[in-house]
Amino acid sequence: QYSPHAPTLEPTITPLAEPSASPTQKTVLVYSGYEYHLSYEERTFIKHKAAAEEWGGHLASIHSLHELEFIKRHFFNQSDGSIFIGGIRKEGTNITDDSDGSAGHWEWSDGTPWDFIVWGGNQPSNINSNGNREDVVVLTNSGYYYDAPVWWKLYGLYKKVRYNDNKYDYFILQVIN
């Protein structure tokens, strides 16, 4: 008979009682050679970008359906709305040209290719109903990209390369201070 306290192969996420905006004080998820951290502080895109870089990473870029499903499964049970990811409108793109969601108009802040595109309906819209430019990307809990203004305050998803030779593709690292 198995002990109820025996470890299982099912991953569990146990966030701290009071989530912190500092990535080093939170549960960090590791997937396919990258560490991911959801900042629980509602900040602007620019402040999240700076915090992610201070952590040693960037706002998250997404490159496959598998990566998107991993993010949806593990980060949207903690955030029911939208989160900032690292998509930004390319410098010099004229939003009045009806810029589409292609790599010709958008890029990832970490410099990786804009190669996995899942825009929501009628997106990118480029300008919201109040006439504000929408130059950054948020990921919704339904798994679609939407363009948004840089001044919105949302949670942010951070991602960085994990530098080790661990053979496991997916695991959870509980960071305790």
Protein backbone atom coordinates (compact mmCIF):
# COMPACT_ATOMS: atom_id res chain seq x y z
CA GLN A 1 0.00 0.00 0.00
CA TYR A 2 1.23 3.49 -0.90
CA SER A 3 1.80 6.20 1.65
CA PRO A 4 -0.36 9.32 1.13
CA HIS A 5 2.82 11.37 1.62
CA ALA A 6 4.81 9.59 -1.11
CA PRO A 7 5.94 11.81 -3.97
CA THR A 8 4.08 11.49 -7.24
CA LEU A 9 5.03 12.16 -10.83
CA GLU A 10 2.30 14.80 -11.08
CA PRO A 11 3.72 18.32 -10.79
CA THR A 12 2.22 20.66 -8.26
CA ILE A 13 2.54 24.39 -7.97
CA THR A 14 2.56 25.87 -4.52
CA PRO A 15 2.83 29.66 -4.69
CA LEU A 16 3.76 31.60 -1.60
CA ALA A 17 0.84 33.00 0.41
CA GLU A 18 1.66 36.56 -0.66
CA PRO A 19 2.97 36.54 -4.23
CA SER A 20 5.96 38.76 -4.88
CA ALA A 21 6.90 40.67 -8.00
CA SER A 22 10.47 39.49 -7.57
CA PRO A 23 11.10 36.36 -9.68
CA THR A 24 13.62 35.05 -7.16
CA GLN A 25 10.90 34.83 -4.51
CA LYS A 26 8.37 32.79 -6.48
CA THR A 27 7.82 29.38 -7.94
CA VAL A 28 9.75 29.14 -11.17
CA LEU A 29 8.56 26.72 -13.83
CA VAL A 30 11.06 25.16 -16.20
CA TYR A 31 10.07 24.01 -19.66
CA SER A 32 12.22 23.03 -22.62
CA GLY A 33 15.38 24.72 -21.35
CA TYR A 34 13.75 27.94 -20.12
CA GLU A 35 12.64 29.25 -16.74
CA TYR A 36 9.28 31.03 -16.56
CA HIS A 37 8.01 33.36 -13.86
CA LEU A 38 4.68 35.16 -13.58
CA SER A 39 5.07 38.52 -11.85
CA TYR A 40 2.06 39.12 -9.65
CA GLU A 41 2.50 42.87 -9.62
CA GLU A 42 0.38 44.84 -12.04
CA ARG A 43 2.85 47.04 -13.91
CA THR A 44 3.15 48.72 -17.29
CA PHE A 45 4.84 46.89 -20.15
CA ILE A 46 7.96 49.06 -19.79
CA LYS A 47 8.30 48.28 -16.06
CA HIS A 48 7.81 44.54 -16.64
CA LYS A 49 10.38 44.62 -19.45
CA ALA A 50 12.91 46.26 -17.11
CA ALA A 51 12.14 43.82 -14.26
CA ALA A 52 12.48 40.79 -16.57
CA GLU A 53 15.83 42.06 -17.82
CA GLU A 54 17.00 42.68 -14.24
CA TRP A 55 16.07 39.04 -13.53
CA GLY A 56 18.30 38.02 -16.45
CA GLY A 57 15.57 37.32 -18.97
CA HIS A 58 12.87 39.01 -21.02
CA LEU A 59 9.12 39.15 -21.24
CA ALA A 60 8.13 35.76 -22.64
CA SER A 61 8.24 34.92 -26.32
CA ILE A 62 6.14 31.98 -27.55
CA HIS A 63 7.32 29.73 -30.37
CA SER A 64 5.03 26.69 -30.52
CA LEU A 65 1.62 25.32 -29.65
CA HIS A 66 3.26 23.13 -26.98
CA GLU A 67 4.82 26.17 -25.31
CA LEU A 68 1.50 28.06 -25.48
CA GLU A 69 -0.35 25.12 -23.89
CA PHE A 70 2.28 24.93 -21.12
CA ILE A 71 1.80 28.64 -20.39
CA LYS A 72 -2.00 28.44 -20.45
CA ARG A 73 -2.03 25.39 -18.17
CA HIS A 74 0.34 26.76 -15.56
CA PHE A 75 -0.10 30.52 -15.52
CA PHE A 76 -3.74 31.21 -16.19
CA ASN A 77 -4.98 29.39 -13.11
CA GLN A 78 -3.23 32.26 -11.30
CA SER A 79 -4.33 35.06 -13.64
CA ASP A 80 -7.77 34.99 -15.20
CA GLY A 81 -7.41 37.90 -17.61
CA SER A 82 -4.51 38.94 -19.78
CA ILE A 83 -0.77 39.08 -19.14
CA PHE A 84 2.01 40.98 -20.87
CA ILE A 85 4.31 38.90 -23.04
CA GLY A 86 7.25 40.17 -25.07
CA GLY A 87 5.63 41.05 -28.38
CA ILE A 88 6.26 44.60 -29.59
CA ARG A 89 5.42 46.53 -32.73
CA LYS A 90 8.55 47.04 -34.86
CA GLU A 91 10.08 50.49 -34.71
CA GLY A 92 8.90 52.67 -37.56
CA THR A 93 5.77 50.63 -38.35
CA ASN A 94 3.00 52.99 -39.40
CA ILE A 95 -0.16 51.86 -37.65
CA THR A 96 -2.37 53.66 -40.17
CA ASP A 97 -1.21 51.19 -42.83
CA ASP A 98 -3.47 48.53 -41.29
CA SER A 99 -0.39 46.68 -40.10
CA ASP A 100 -1.07 43.00 -39.83
CA GLY A 101 0.20 40.56 -37.22
CA SER A 102 3.11 39.28 -39.30
CA ALA A 103 6.84 39.33 -38.64
CA GLY A 104 6.97 42.34 -40.95
CA HIS A 105 5.28 44.42 -38.27
CA TRP A 106 5.90 42.63 -34.93
CA GLU A 107 8.89 41.18 -33.07
CA TRP A 108 9.81 39.59 -29.74
CA SER A 109 11.64 41.77 -27.23
CA ASP A 110 14.19 38.96 -26.70
CA GLY A 111 15.23 39.08 -30.37
CA THR A 112 13.94 35.61 -31.25
CA PRO A 113 11.94 35.12 -34.50
CA TRP A 114 8.23 36.11 -34.59
CA ASP A 115 7.38 32.60 -35.77
CA PHE A 116 4.27 31.51 -33.86
CA ILE A 117 1.26 33.74 -34.36
CA VAL A 118 -2.12 33.31 -32.66
CA TRP A 119 -3.93 36.64 -32.87
CA GLY A 120 -7.45 36.89 -31.49
CA GLY A 121 -10.35 37.91 -33.74
CA ASN A 122 -9.87 41.28 -35.48
CA GLN A 123 -6.36 41.59 -34.05
CA PRO A 124 -4.09 43.39 -34.10
CA SER A 125 -6.46 46.35 -33.98
CA ASN A 126 -3.60 48.89 -33.80
CA ILE A 127 -5.65 51.63 -32.13
CA ASN A 128 -8.20 51.05 -29.35
CA SER A 129 -11.67 52.59 -29.13
CA ASN A 130 -10.24 55.60 -27.23
CA GLY A 131 -7.80 56.36 -30.05
CA ASN A 132 -4.73 55.06 -28.17
CA ARG A 133 -1.91 53.27 -30.01
CA GLU A 134 -1.56 49.57 -29.20
CA ASP A 135 2.12 48.70 -29.59
CA VAL A 136 2.63 45.69 -27.29
CA VAL A 137 1.15 42.22 -27.00
CA VAL A 138 -0.86 40.62 -24.23
CA LEU A 139 -1.77 36.94 -24.02
CA THR A 140 -5.34 36.19 -22.97
CA ASN A 141 -6.44 33.23 -20.88
CA SER A 142 -7.98 31.79 -24.05
CA GLY A 143 -4.49 31.63 -25.59
CA TYR A 144 -4.71 34.45 -28.14
CA TYR A 145 -2.58 37.54 -28.69
CA TYR A 146 -4.13 41.00 -28.51
CA ASP A 147 -2.33 44.27 -29.06
CA ALA A 148 -2.53 46.72 -26.16
CA PRO A 149 -1.27 50.13 -25.04
CA VAL A 150 2.08 50.18 -23.20
CA TRP A 151 0.54 52.01 -20.21
CA TRP A 152 -1.93 49.28 -19.22
CA LYS A 153 -1.10 47.64 -15.88
CA LEU A 154 -1.17 43.85 -15.96
CA TYR A 155 0.80 40.87 -14.68
CA GLY A 156 3.85 39.97 -16.77
CA LEU A 157 5.26 36.61 -17.83
CA TYR A 158 9.09 36.44 -17.74
CA LYS A 159 11.31 33.87 -19.47
CA LYS A 160 15.03 33.16 -19.44
CA VAL A 161 17.42 30.46 -20.61
CA ARG A 162 18.18 27.88 -17.93
CA TYR A 163 21.91 27.25 -18.00
CA ASN A 164 22.45 23.66 -16.93
CA ASP A 165 22.56 20.22 -18.46
CA ASN A 166 19.42 18.86 -16.83
CA LYS A 167 18.00 16.09 -18.98
CA TYR A 168 14.40 16.74 -17.94
CA ASP A 169 12.24 18.75 -20.30
CA TYR A 170 9.71 19.92 -17.69
CA PHE A 171 9.80 20.38 -13.96
CA ILE A 172 9.00 22.86 -11.22
CA LEU A 173 11.62 24.56 -9.13
CA GLN A 174 10.36 25.93 -5.84
CA VAL A 175 12.52 28.87 -4.87
CA ILE A 176 12.48 29.54 -1.14
CA ASN A 177 13.99 32.59 0.52
